[in-house]
Amino acid sequence: MSDKGNNYKVEFENLSDGSLEIRYFDDYRDLSYRSWRVPKTVAEELTSWWERLRNKNVNFPIKEKAKMCEINMYTEKYIDIKELDSLGRFKMVGWSFPKAVVEELVNWDKKDK
């Protein structure tokens, strides 16, 4: 899924353990990529957050705490996510996605439903 004005490519794969693998290629012709494995609950929370945010005029930095994760956006290029446990404490797991990954995740999630 590459954007017509961009050279990147993003791929998603549902894994048997209930998580989602995300692959980001800097250039759609590349064979190498960055990869993340994310629980689907975190991915769903991230897409919901992005849909609420993307049409608003925002001031950086953004820091919001949701049920499953804390989402930080210090600049318009990257989104940092820290997963929370059931008591609201930070887990050792976290991710830093290029904004394009989150935008493609929203589009992919809509097609998947």
PDB file of N, CA and C in Angstrom:
ATOM      1  N   MET A   1       0.831  -1.178   0.000  1.00  0.00           N
ATOM      2  CA  MET A   1       0.000   0.000   0.000  1.00  0.00           C
ATOM      3  C   MET A   1       0.872   1.237   0.000  1.00  0.00           C
ATOM      4  N   SER A   2       1.205   1.734  -1.116  1.00  0.00           N
ATOM      5  CA  SER A   2       1.999   2.957  -1.134  1.00  0.00           C
ATOM      6  C   SER A   2       1.124   4.122  -1.558  1.00  0.00           C
ATOM      7  N   ASP A   3       1.396   5.245  -1.010  1.00  0.00           N
ATOM      8  CA  ASP A   3       0.702   6.472  -1.349  1.00  0.00           C
ATOM      9  C   ASP A   3       1.273   6.978  -2.667  1.00  0.00           C
ATOM     10  N   LYS A   4       0.436   7.491  -3.554  1.00  0.00           N
ATOM     11  CA  LYS A   4       0.903   7.902  -4.879  1.00  0.00           C
ATOM     12  C   LYS A   4       2.029   8.927  -4.827  1.00  0.00           C
ATOM     13  N   GLY A   5       2.049   9.796  -3.839  1.00  0.00           N
ATOM     14  CA  GLY A   5       3.086  10.812  -3.741  1.00  0.00           C
ATOM     15  C   GLY A   5       4.308  10.348  -2.964  1.00  0.00           C
ATOM     16  N   ASN A   6       4.246   9.153  -2.411  1.00  0.00           N
ATOM     17  CA  ASN A   6       5.335   8.643  -1.576  1.00  0.00           C
ATOM     18  C   ASN A   6       5.867   7.339  -2.141  1.00  0.00           C
ATOM     19  N   ASN A   7       7.075   6.996  -1.751  1.00  0.00           N
ATOM     20  CA  ASN A   7       7.690   5.762  -2.209  1.00  0.00           C
ATOM     21  C   ASN A   7       7.596   4.625  -1.204  1.00  0.00           C
ATOM     22  N   TYR A   8       7.091   4.875  -0.010  1.00  0.00           N
ATOM     23  CA  TYR A   8       7.061   3.844   1.021  1.00  0.00           C
ATOM     24  C   TYR A   8       6.013   2.777   0.692  1.00  0.00           C
ATOM     25  N   LYS A   9       6.123   1.651   1.419  1.00  0.00           N
ATOM     26  CA  LYS A   9       5.112   0.603   1.323  1.00  0.00           C
ATOM     27  C   LYS A   9       4.882   0.063   2.725  1.00  0.00           C
ATOM     28  N   VAL A  10       3.629  -0.224   3.049  1.00  0.00           N
ATOM     29  CA  VAL A  10       3.276  -0.770   4.353  1.00  0.00           C
ATOM     30  C   VAL A  10       2.466  -2.044   4.120  1.00  0.00           C
ATOM     31  N   GLU A  11       2.813  -3.102   4.833  1.00  0.00           N
ATOM     32  CA  GLU A  11       2.084  -4.364   4.751  1.00  0.00           C
ATOM     33  C   GLU A  11       1.634  -4.776   6.150  1.00  0.00           C
ATOM     34  N   PHE A  12       0.488  -5.453   6.206  1.00  0.00           N
ATOM     35  CA  PHE A  12      -0.059  -5.938   7.470  1.00  0.00           C
ATOM     36  C   PHE A  12      -0.361  -7.418   7.344  1.00  0.00           C
ATOM     37  N   GLU A  13      -0.138  -8.144   8.437  1.00  0.00           N
ATOM     38  CA  GLU A  13      -0.471  -9.560   8.450  1.00  0.00           C
ATOM     39  C   GLU A  13      -1.044  -9.931   9.805  1.00  0.00           C
ATOM     40  N   ASN A  14      -2.239 -10.521   9.801  1.00  0.00           N
ATOM     41  CA  ASN A  14      -2.835 -11.052  11.021  1.00  0.00           C
ATOM     42  C   ASN A  14      -2.089 -12.324  11.387  1.00  0.00           C
ATOM     43  N   LEU A  15      -1.632 -12.400  12.619  1.00  0.00           N
ATOM     44  CA  LEU A  15      -0.881 -13.571  13.078  1.00  0.00           C
ATOM     45  C   LEU A  15      -1.788 -14.496  13.885  1.00  0.00           C
ATOM     46  N   SER A  16      -1.418 -15.754  13.952  1.00  0.00           N
ATOM     47  CA  SER A  16      -2.255 -16.765  14.615  1.00  0.00           C
ATOM     48  C   SER A  16      -2.411 -16.518  16.119  1.00  0.00           C
ATOM     49  N   ASP A  17      -1.488 -15.787  16.724  1.00  0.00           N
ATOM     50  CA  ASP A  17      -1.585 -15.517  18.163  1.00  0.00           C
ATOM     51  C   ASP A  17      -2.486 -14.326  18.486  1.00  0.00           C
ATOM     52  N   GLY A  18      -3.139 -13.762  17.462  1.00  0.00           N
ATOM     53  CA  GLY A  18      -4.047 -12.638  17.679  1.00  0.00           C
ATOM     54  C   GLY A  18      -3.387 -11.277  17.580  1.00  0.00           C
ATOM     55  N   SER A  19      -2.117 -11.255  17.216  1.00  0.00           N
ATOM     56  CA  SER A  19      -1.442  -9.967  17.060  1.00  0.00           C
ATOM     57  C   SER A  19      -1.354  -9.614  15.575  1.00  0.00           C
ATOM     58  N   LEU A  20      -0.819  -8.452  15.309  1.00  0.00           N
ATOM     59  CA  LEU A  20      -0.710  -7.934  13.961  1.00  0.00           C
ATOM     60  C   LEU A  20       0.756  -7.643  13.673  1.00  0.00           C
ATOM     61  N   GLU A  21       1.257  -8.137  12.543  1.00  0.00           N
ATOM     62  CA  GLU A  21       2.609  -7.786  12.129  1.00  0.00           C
ATOM     63  C   GLU A  21       2.516  -6.651  11.126  1.00  0.00           C
ATOM     64  N   ILE A  22       3.312  -5.618  11.362  1.00  0.00           N
ATOM     65  CA  ILE A  22       3.353  -4.446  10.489  1.00  0.00           C
ATOM     66  C   ILE A  22       4.738  -4.381   9.875  1.00  0.00           C
ATOM     67  N   ARG A  23       4.797  -4.265   8.553  1.00  0.00           N
ATOM     68  CA  ARG A  23       6.075  -4.143   7.844  1.00  0.00           C
ATOM     69  C   ARG A  23       6.094  -2.808   7.112  1.00  0.00           C
ATOM     70  N   TYR A  24       7.174  -2.049   7.304  1.00  0.00           N
ATOM     71  CA  TYR A  24       7.327  -0.737   6.669  1.00  0.00           C
ATOM     72  C   TYR A  24       8.581  -0.736   5.806  1.00  0.00           C
ATOM     73  N   PHE A  25       8.397  -0.511   4.517  1.00  0.00           N
ATOM     74  CA  PHE A  25       9.490  -0.410   3.558  1.00  0.00           C
ATOM     75  C   PHE A  25       9.702   1.073   3.253  1.00  0.00           C
ATOM     76  N   ASP A  26      10.914   1.585   3.413  1.00  0.00           N
ATOM     77  CA  ASP A  26      11.180   2.992   3.096  1.00  0.00           C
ATOM     78  C   ASP A  26      10.894   3.292   1.635  1.00  0.00           C
ATOM     79  N   ASP A  27      11.146   2.318   0.780  1.00  0.00           N
ATOM     80  CA  ASP A  27      10.876   2.436  -0.650  1.00  0.00           C
ATOM     81  C   ASP A  27      10.143   1.167  -1.084  1.00  0.00           C
ATOM     82  N   TYR A  28       9.118   1.300  -1.881  1.00  0.00           N
ATOM     83  CA  TYR A  28       8.312   0.143  -2.259  1.00  0.00           C
ATOM     84  C   TYR A  28       9.106  -0.916  -3.026  1.00  0.00           C
ATOM     85  N   ARG A  29      10.275  -0.560  -3.531  1.00  0.00           N
ATOM     86  CA  ARG A  29      11.113  -1.519  -4.254  1.00  0.00           C
ATOM     87  C   ARG A  29      12.097  -2.240  -3.339  1.00  0.00           C
ATOM     88  N   ASP A  30      12.219  -1.812  -2.088  1.00  0.00           N
ATOM     89  CA  ASP A  30      13.157  -2.421  -1.142  1.00  0.00           C
ATOM     90  C   ASP A  30      12.756  -3.849  -0.781  1.00  0.00           C
ATOM     91  N   LEU A  31      13.747  -4.664  -0.510  1.00  0.00           N
ATOM     92  CA  LEU A  31      13.505  -6.005   0.004  1.00  0.00           C
ATOM     93  C   LEU A  31      13.579  -6.027   1.525  1.00  0.00           C
ATOM     94  N   SER A  32      14.304  -5.077   2.110  1.00  0.00           N
ATOM     95  CA  SER A  32      14.415  -5.000   3.568  1.00  0.00           C
ATOM     96  C   SER A  32      13.365  -4.029   4.114  1.00  0.00           C
ATOM     97  N   TYR A  33      12.985  -4.265   5.367  1.00  0.00           N
ATOM     98  CA  TYR A  33      11.927  -3.462   5.984  1.00  0.00           C
ATOM     99  C   TYR A  33      12.084  -3.456   7.499  1.00  0.00           C
ATOM    100  N   ARG A  34      11.373  -2.529   8.121  1.00  0.00           N
ATOM    101  CA  ARG A  34      11.241  -2.515   9.578  1.00  0.00           C
ATOM    102  C   ARG A  34       9.956  -3.250   9.908  1.00  0.00           C
ATOM    103  N   SER A  35       9.946  -3.968  11.000  1.00  0.00           N
ATOM    104  CA  SER A  35       8.794  -4.789  11.330  1.00  0.00           C
ATOM    105  C   SER A  35       8.449  -4.654  12.806  1.00  0.00           C
ATOM    106  N   TRP A  36       7.162  -4.655  13.094  1.00  0.00           N
ATOM    107  CA  TRP A  36       6.677  -4.599  14.469  1.00  0.00           C
ATOM    108  C   TRP A  36       5.568  -5.620  14.639  1.00  0.00           C
ATOM    109  N   ARG A  37       5.472  -6.173  15.830  1.00  0.00           N
ATOM    110  CA  ARG A  37       4.375  -7.064  16.195  1.00  0.00           C
ATOM    111  C   ARG A  37       3.597  -6.355  17.299  1.00  0.00           C
ATOM    112  N   VAL A  38       2.312  -6.132  17.032  1.00  0.00           N
ATOM    113  CA  VAL A  38       1.479  -5.325  17.924  1.00  0.00           C
ATOM    114  C   VAL A  38       0.207  -6.094  18.274  1.00  0.00           C
ATOM    115  N   PRO A  39      -0.200  -6.096  19.550  1.00  0.00           N
ATOM    116  CA  PRO A  39      -1.494  -6.698  19.883  1.00  0.00           C
ATOM    117  C   PRO A  39      -2.618  -5.973  19.130  1.00  0.00           C
ATOM    118  N   LYS A  40      -3.603  -6.714  18.679  1.00  0.00           N
ATOM    119  CA  LYS A  40      -4.697  -6.093  17.920  1.00  0.00           C
ATOM    120  C   LYS A  40      -5.443  -5.050  18.741  1.00  0.00           C
ATOM    121  N   THR A  41      -5.532  -5.245  20.049  1.00  0.00           N
ATOM    122  CA  THR A  41      -6.221  -4.263  20.885  1.00  0.00           C
ATOM    123  C   THR A  41      -5.502  -2.913  20.854  1.00  0.00           C
ATOM    124  N   VAL A  42      -4.177  -2.950  20.843  1.00  0.00           N
ATOM    125  CA  VAL A  42      -3.393  -1.713  20.763  1.00  0.00           C
ATOM    126  C   VAL A  42      -3.559  -1.086  19.378  1.00  0.00           C
ATOM    127  N   ALA A  43      -3.532  -1.903  18.330  1.00  0.00           N
ATOM    128  CA  ALA A  43      -3.713  -1.398  16.965  1.00  0.00           C
ATOM    129  C   ALA A  43      -5.088  -0.748  16.807  1.00  0.00           C
ATOM    130  N   GLU A  44      -6.121  -1.363  17.363  1.00  0.00           N
ATOM    131  CA  GLU A  44      -7.470  -0.801  17.285  1.00  0.00           C
ATOM    132  C   GLU A  44      -7.565   0.523  18.038  1.00  0.00           C
ATOM    133  N   GLU A  45      -6.945   0.597  19.198  1.00  0.00           N
ATOM    134  CA  GLU A  45      -6.950   1.835  19.973  1.00  0.00           C
ATOM    135  C   GLU A  45      -6.191   2.939  19.240  1.00  0.00           C
ATOM    136  N   LEU A  46      -5.093   2.575  18.601  1.00  0.00           N
ATOM    137  CA  LEU A  46      -4.308   3.533  17.837  1.00  0.00           C
ATOM    138  C   LEU A  46      -5.096   4.066  16.635  1.00  0.00           C
ATOM    139  N   THR A  47      -5.785   3.206  15.905  1.00  0.00           N
ATOM    140  CA  THR A  47      -6.575   3.666  14.755  1.00  0.00           C
ATOM    141  C   THR A  47      -7.722   4.564  15.198  1.00  0.00           C
ATOM    142  N   SER A  48      -8.355   4.212  16.280  1.00  0.00           N
ATOM    143  CA  SER A  48      -9.440   5.044  16.812  1.00  0.00           C
ATOM    144  C   SER A  48      -8.915   6.421  17.201  1.00  0.00           C
ATOM    145  N   TRP A  49      -7.777   6.463  17.875  1.00  0.00           N
ATOM    146  CA  TRP A  49      -7.152   7.730  18.277  1.00  0.00           C
ATOM    147  C   TRP A  49      -6.799   8.562  17.049  1.00  0.00           C
ATOM    148  N   TRP A  50      -6.202   7.928  16.042  1.00  0.00           N
ATOM    149  CA  TRP A  50      -5.777   8.668  14.848  1.00  0.00           C
ATOM    150  C   TRP A  50      -6.971   9.236  14.088  1.00  0.00           C
ATOM    151  N   GLU A  51      -8.065   8.490  13.986  1.00  0.00           N
ATOM    152  CA  GLU A  51      -9.254   8.999  13.294  1.00  0.00           C
ATOM    153  C   GLU A  51      -9.826  10.224  14.000  1.00  0.00           C
ATOM    154  N   ARG A  52      -9.789  10.230  15.317  1.00  0.00           N
ATOM    155  CA  ARG A  52     -10.259  11.403  16.072  1.00  0.00           C
ATOM    156  C   ARG A  52      -9.331  12.596  15.882  1.00  0.00           C
ATOM    157  N   LEU A  53      -8.043  12.344  15.769  1.00  0.00           N
ATOM    158  CA  LEU A  53      -7.045  13.402  15.752  1.00  0.00           C
ATOM    159  C   LEU A  53      -6.776  14.003  14.379  1.00  0.00           C
ATOM    160  N   ARG A  54      -6.797  13.191  13.335  1.00  0.00           N
ATOM    161  CA  ARG A  54      -6.241  13.608  12.045  1.00  0.00           C
ATOM    162  C   ARG A  54      -6.933  14.778  11.368  1.00  0.00           C
ATOM    163  N   ASN A  55      -8.162  15.061  11.686  1.00  0.00           N
ATOM    164  CA  ASN A  55      -8.845  16.192  11.061  1.00  0.00           C
ATOM    165  C   ASN A  55      -8.872  17.435  11.947  1.00  0.00           C
ATOM    166  N   LYS A  56      -8.160  17.376  13.052  1.00  0.00           N
ATOM    167  CA  LYS A  56      -8.111  18.514  13.968  1.00  0.00           C
ATOM    168  C   LYS A  56      -6.816  19.295  13.776  1.00  0.00           C
ATOM    169  N   ASN A  57      -6.851  20.544  14.151  1.00  0.00           N
ATOM    170  CA  ASN A  57      -5.644  21.361  14.182  1.00  0.00           C
ATOM    171  C   ASN A  57      -4.978  21.101  15.534  1.00  0.00           C
ATOM    172  N   VAL A  58      -3.818  20.448  15.509  1.00  0.00           N
ATOM    173  CA  VAL A  58      -3.182  20.040  16.761  1.00  0.00           C
ATOM    174  C   VAL A  58      -1.882  20.795  16.998  1.00  0.00           C
ATOM    175  N   ASN A  59      -1.552  20.909  18.264  1.00  0.00           N
ATOM    176  CA  ASN A  59      -0.280  21.499  18.675  1.00  0.00           C
ATOM    177  C   ASN A  59       0.576  20.394  19.277  1.00  0.00           C
ATOM    178  N   PHE A  60       1.818  20.341  18.849  1.00  0.00           N
ATOM    179  CA  PHE A  60       2.742  19.329  19.364  1.00  0.00           C
ATOM    180  C   PHE A  60       3.461  19.854  20.579  1.00  0.00           C
ATOM    181  N   PRO A  61       3.825  19.028  21.502  1.00  0.00           N
ATOM    182  CA  PRO A  61       3.666  17.584  21.538  1.00  0.00           C
ATOM    183  C   PRO A  61       2.258  17.177  21.985  1.00  0.00           C
ATOM    184  N   ILE A  62       1.858  15.984  21.578  1.00  0.00           N
ATOM    185  CA  ILE A  62       0.578  15.396  21.974  1.00  0.00           C
ATOM    186  C   ILE A  62       0.895  14.212  22.876  1.00  0.00           C
ATOM    187  N   LYS A  63       0.193  14.125  23.987  1.00  0.00           N
ATOM    188  CA  LYS A  63       0.351  12.997  24.902  1.00  0.00           C
ATOM    189  C   LYS A  63      -1.028  12.643  25.419  1.00  0.00           C
ATOM    190  N   GLU A  64      -1.494  11.436  25.060  1.00  0.00           N
ATOM    191  CA  GLU A  64      -2.809  10.987  25.501  1.00  0.00           C
ATOM    192  C   GLU A  64      -2.715   9.576  26.044  1.00  0.00           C
ATOM    193  N   LYS A  65      -3.427   9.343  27.122  1.00  0.00           N
ATOM    194  CA  LYS A  65      -3.465   8.021  27.715  1.00  0.00           C
ATOM    195  C   LYS A  65      -4.833   7.418  27.428  1.00  0.00           C
ATOM    196  N   ALA A  66      -4.823   6.233  26.853  1.00  0.00           N
ATOM    197  CA  ALA A  66      -6.051   5.505  26.564  1.00  0.00           C
ATOM    198  C   ALA A  66      -6.090   4.276  27.467  1.00  0.00           C
ATOM    199  N   LYS A  67      -7.035   3.383  27.237  1.00  0.00           N
ATOM    200  CA  LYS A  67      -7.180   2.213  28.101  1.00  0.00           C
ATOM    201  C   LYS A  67      -5.990   1.257  27.996  1.00  0.00           C
ATOM    202  N   MET A  68      -5.527   0.996  26.769  1.00  0.00           N
ATOM    203  CA  MET A  68      -4.487  -0.006  26.533  1.00  0.00           C
ATOM    204  C   MET A  68      -3.085   0.572  26.342  1.00  0.00           C
ATOM    205  N   CYS A  69      -2.996   1.880  26.095  1.00  0.00           N
ATOM    206  CA  CYS A  69      -1.679   2.443  25.788  1.00  0.00           C
ATOM    207  C   CYS A  69      -1.653   3.957  26.005  1.00  0.00           C
ATOM    208  N   GLU A  70      -0.432   4.472  26.052  1.00  0.00           N
ATOM    209  CA  GLU A  70      -0.204   5.913  26.044  1.00  0.00           C
ATOM    210  C   GLU A  70       0.387   6.245  24.679  1.00  0.00           C
ATOM    211  N   ILE A  71      -0.146   7.294  24.062  1.00  0.00           N
ATOM    212  CA  ILE A  71       0.272   7.682  22.720  1.00  0.00           C
ATOM    213  C   ILE A  71       0.900   9.064  22.790  1.00  0.00           C
ATOM    214  N   ASN A  72       2.116   9.171  22.239  1.00  0.00           N
ATOM    215  CA  ASN A  72       2.842  10.440  22.211  1.00  0.00           C
ATOM    216  C   ASN A  72       3.202  10.770  20.778  1.00  0.00           C
ATOM    217  N   MET A  73       3.072  12.025  20.445  1.00  0.00           N
ATOM    218  CA  MET A  73       3.476  12.503  19.125  1.00  0.00           C
ATOM    219  C   MET A  73       4.197  13.821  19.351  1.00  0.00           C
ATOM    220  N   TYR A  74       5.522  13.774  19.258  1.00  0.00           N
ATOM    221  CA  TYR A  74       6.329  14.967  19.519  1.00  0.00           C
ATOM    222  C   TYR A  74       6.476  15.841  18.284  1.00  0.00           C
ATOM    223  N   THR A  75       6.453  15.209  17.114  1.00  0.00           N
ATOM    224  CA  THR A  75       6.502  15.915  15.835  1.00  0.00           C
ATOM    225  C   THR A  75       5.463  15.278  14.924  1.00  0.00           C
ATOM    226  N   GLU A  76       5.294  15.816  13.745  1.00  0.00           N
ATOM    227  CA  GLU A  76       4.291  15.259  12.835  1.00  0.00           C
ATOM    228  C   GLU A  76       4.762  13.996  12.110  1.00  0.00           C
ATOM    229  N   LYS A  77       5.993  13.544  12.338  1.00  0.00           N
ATOM    230  CA  LYS A  77       6.532  12.415  11.581  1.00  0.00           C
ATOM    231  C   LYS A  77       6.430  11.064  12.279  1.00  0.00           C
ATOM    232  N   TYR A  78       6.481  11.022  13.597  1.00  0.00           N
ATOM    233  CA  TYR A  78       6.494   9.750  14.322  1.00  0.00           C
ATOM    234  C   TYR A  78       5.481   9.741  15.453  1.00  0.00           C
ATOM    235  N   ILE A  79       4.963   8.539  15.718  1.00  0.00           N
ATOM    236  CA  ILE A  79       4.010   8.333  16.804  1.00  0.00           C
ATOM    237  C   ILE A  79       4.581   7.245  17.715  1.00  0.00           C
ATOM    238  N   ASP A  80       4.722   7.562  18.989  1.00  0.00           N
ATOM    239  CA  ASP A  80       5.263   6.628  19.977  1.00  0.00           C
ATOM    240  C   ASP A  80       4.125   6.057  20.804  1.00  0.00           C
ATOM    241  N   ILE A  81       4.163   4.754  21.024  1.00  0.00           N
ATOM    242  CA  ILE A  81       3.115   4.071  21.777  1.00  0.00           C
ATOM    243  C   ILE A  81       3.772   3.260  22.884  1.00  0.00           C
ATOM    244  N   LYS A  82       3.241   3.371  24.092  1.00  0.00           N
ATOM    245  CA  LYS A  82       3.679   2.558  25.223  1.00  0.00           C
ATOM    246  C   LYS A  82       2.464   1.780  25.707  1.00  0.00           C
ATOM    247  N   GLU A  83       2.611   0.461  25.775  1.00  0.00           N
ATOM    248  CA  GLU A  83       1.501  -0.381  26.210  1.00  0.00           C
ATOM    249  C   GLU A  83       1.351  -0.325  27.725  1.00  0.00           C
ATOM    250  N   LEU A  84       0.105  -0.410  28.189  1.00  0.00           N
ATOM    251  CA  LEU A  84      -0.214  -0.390  29.615  1.00  0.00           C
ATOM    252  C   LEU A  84      -0.748  -1.742  30.056  1.00  0.00           C
ATOM    253  N   ASP A  85      -0.506  -2.098  31.310  1.00  0.00           N
ATOM    254  CA  ASP A  85      -1.103  -3.320  31.840  1.00  0.00           C
ATOM    255  C   ASP A  85      -2.507  -3.014  32.361  1.00  0.00           C
ATOM    256  N   SER A  86      -3.160  -4.009  32.933  1.00  0.00           N
ATOM    257  CA  SER A  86      -4.547  -3.840  33.387  1.00  0.00           C
ATOM    258  C   SER A  86      -4.691  -2.843  34.532  1.00  0.00           C
ATOM    259  N   LEU A  87      -3.592  -2.519  35.204  1.00  0.00           N
ATOM    260  CA  LEU A  87      -3.622  -1.540  36.292  1.00  0.00           C
ATOM    261  C   LEU A  87      -3.174  -0.150  35.850  1.00  0.00           C
ATOM    262  N   GLY A  88      -2.912   0.013  34.548  1.00  0.00           N
ATOM    263  CA  GLY A  88      -2.514   1.315  34.020  1.00  0.00           C
ATOM    264  C   GLY A  88      -1.031   1.612  34.120  1.00  0.00           C
ATOM    265  N   ARG A  89      -0.232   0.600  34.448  1.00  0.00           N
ATOM    266  CA  ARG A  89       1.214   0.774  34.536  1.00  0.00           C
ATOM    267  C   ARG A  89       1.846   0.451  33.189  1.00  0.00           C
ATOM    268  N   PHE A  90       2.973   1.086  32.906  1.00  0.00           N
ATOM    269  CA  PHE A  90       3.657   0.837  31.641  1.00  0.00           C
ATOM    270  C   PHE A  90       4.251  -0.561  31.609  1.00  0.00           C
ATOM    271  N   LYS A  91       4.057  -1.229  30.463  1.00  0.00           N
ATOM    272  CA  LYS A  91       4.741  -2.490  30.213  1.00  0.00           C
ATOM    273  C   LYS A  91       6.101  -2.164  29.614  1.00  0.00           C
ATOM    274  N   MET A  92       6.917  -3.167  29.456  1.00  0.00           N
ATOM    275  CA  MET A  92       8.236  -2.975  28.862  1.00  0.00           C
ATOM    276  C   MET A  92       8.151  -2.807  27.343  1.00  0.00           C
ATOM    277  N   VAL A  93       6.972  -2.996  26.787  1.00  0.00           N
ATOM    278  CA  VAL A  93       6.784  -2.982  25.339  1.00  0.00           C
ATOM    279  C   VAL A  93       6.358  -1.595  24.873  1.00  0.00           C
ATOM    280  N   GLY A  94       6.955  -1.164  23.765  1.00  0.00           N
ATOM    281  CA  GLY A  94       6.563   0.102  23.161  1.00  0.00           C
ATOM    282  C   GLY A  94       6.967   0.114  21.694  1.00  0.00           C
ATOM    283  N   TRP A  95       6.402   1.041  20.946  1.00  0.00           N
ATOM    284  CA  TRP A  95       6.668   1.127  19.511  1.00  0.00           C
ATOM    285  C   TRP A  95       6.802   2.583  19.091  1.00  0.00           C
ATOM    286  N   SER A  96       7.541   2.804  18.032  1.00  0.00           N
ATOM    287  CA  SER A  96       7.653   4.124  17.419  1.00  0.00           C
ATOM    288  C   SER A  96       7.409   3.935  15.928  1.00  0.00           C
ATOM    289  N   PHE A  97       6.263   4.431  15.460  1.00  0.00           N
ATOM    290  CA  PHE A  97       5.863   4.248  14.063  1.00  0.00           C
ATOM    291  C   PHE A  97       6.004   5.540  13.284  1.00  0.00           C
ATOM    292  N   PRO A  98       6.432   5.441  12.024  1.00  0.00           N
ATOM    293  CA  PRO A  98       6.289   6.597  11.137  1.00  0.00           C
ATOM    294  C   PRO A  98       4.794   6.892  10.981  1.00  0.00           C
ATOM    295  N   LYS A  99       4.432   8.136  10.835  1.00  0.00           N
ATOM    296  CA  LYS A  99       3.027   8.520  10.697  1.00  0.00           C
ATOM    297  C   LYS A  99       2.347   7.747   9.573  1.00  0.00           C
ATOM    298  N   ALA A 100       3.072   7.471   8.487  1.00  0.00           N
ATOM    299  CA  ALA A 100       2.502   6.748   7.349  1.00  0.00           C
ATOM    300  C   ALA A 100       1.976   5.373   7.752  1.00  0.00           C
ATOM    301  N   VAL A 101       2.624   4.726   8.702  1.00  0.00           N
ATOM    302  CA  VAL A 101       2.171   3.412   9.160  1.00  0.00           C
ATOM    303  C   VAL A 101       0.789   3.522   9.783  1.00  0.00           C
ATOM    304  N   VAL A 102       0.587   4.519  10.617  1.00  0.00           N
ATOM    305  CA  VAL A 102      -0.698   4.690  11.294  1.00  0.00           C
ATOM    306  C   VAL A 102      -1.783   5.062  10.283  1.00  0.00           C
ATOM    307  N   GLU A 103      -1.469   5.923   9.325  1.00  0.00           N
ATOM    308  CA  GLU A 103      -2.441   6.279   8.296  1.00  0.00           C
ATOM    309  C   GLU A 103      -2.847   5.056   7.478  1.00  0.00           C
ATOM    310  N   GLU A 104      -1.883   4.225   7.105  1.00  0.00           N
ATOM    311  CA  GLU A 104      -2.184   3.011   6.345  1.00  0.00           C
ATOM    312  C   GLU A 104      -2.940   1.997   7.206  1.00  0.00           C
ATOM    313  N   LEU A 105      -2.651   1.960   8.500  1.00  0.00           N
ATOM    314  CA  LEU A 105      -3.353   1.061   9.415  1.00  0.00           C
ATOM    315  C   LEU A 105      -4.832   1.406   9.471  1.00  0.00           C
ATOM    316  N   VAL A 106      -5.158   2.674   9.504  1.00  0.00           N
ATOM    317  CA  VAL A 106      -6.561   3.098   9.511  1.00  0.00           C
ATOM    318  C   VAL A 106      -7.250   2.637   8.231  1.00  0.00           C
ATOM    319  N   ASN A 107      -6.608   2.842   7.087  1.00  0.00           N
ATOM    320  CA  ASN A 107      -7.181   2.420   5.806  1.00  0.00           C
ATOM    321  C   ASN A 107      -7.341   0.908   5.745  1.00  0.00           C
ATOM    322  N   TRP A 108      -6.345   0.172   6.211  1.00  0.00           N
ATOM    323  CA  TRP A 108      -6.384  -1.282   6.201  1.00  0.00           C
ATOM    324  C   TRP A 108      -7.487  -1.796   7.132  1.00  0.00           C
ATOM    325  N   ASP A 109      -7.614  -1.164   8.293  1.00  0.00           N
ATOM    326  CA  ASP A 109      -8.623  -1.580   9.272  1.00  0.00           C
ATOM    327  C   ASP A 109     -10.031  -1.408   8.704  1.00  0.00           C
ATOM    328  N   LYS A 110     -10.257  -0.339   7.953  1.00  0.00           N
ATOM    329  CA  LYS A 110     -11.578  -0.123   7.347  1.00  0.00           C
ATOM    330  C   LYS A 110     -11.882  -1.182   6.298  1.00  0.00           C
ATOM    331  N   LYS A 111     -10.862  -1.597   5.518  1.00  0.00           N
ATOM    332  CA  LYS A 111     -11.059  -2.634   4.496  1.00  0.00           C
ATOM    333  C   LYS A 111     -11.289  -3.993   5.127  1.00  0.00           C
ATOM    334  N   ASP A 112     -10.662  -4.214   6.286  1.00  0.00           N
ATOM    335  CA  ASP A 112     -10.721  -5.507   6.962  1.00  0.00           C
ATOM    336  C   ASP A 112     -12.091  -5.759   7.592  1.00  0.00           C
ATOM    337  N   LYS A 113     -12.865  -4.719   7.809  1.00  0.00           N
ATOM    338  CA  LYS A 113     -14.170  -4.877   8.497  1.00  0.00           C
ATOM    339  C   LYS A 113     -15.285  -5.054   7.510  1.00  0.00           C
TER     340      LYS A 113
END
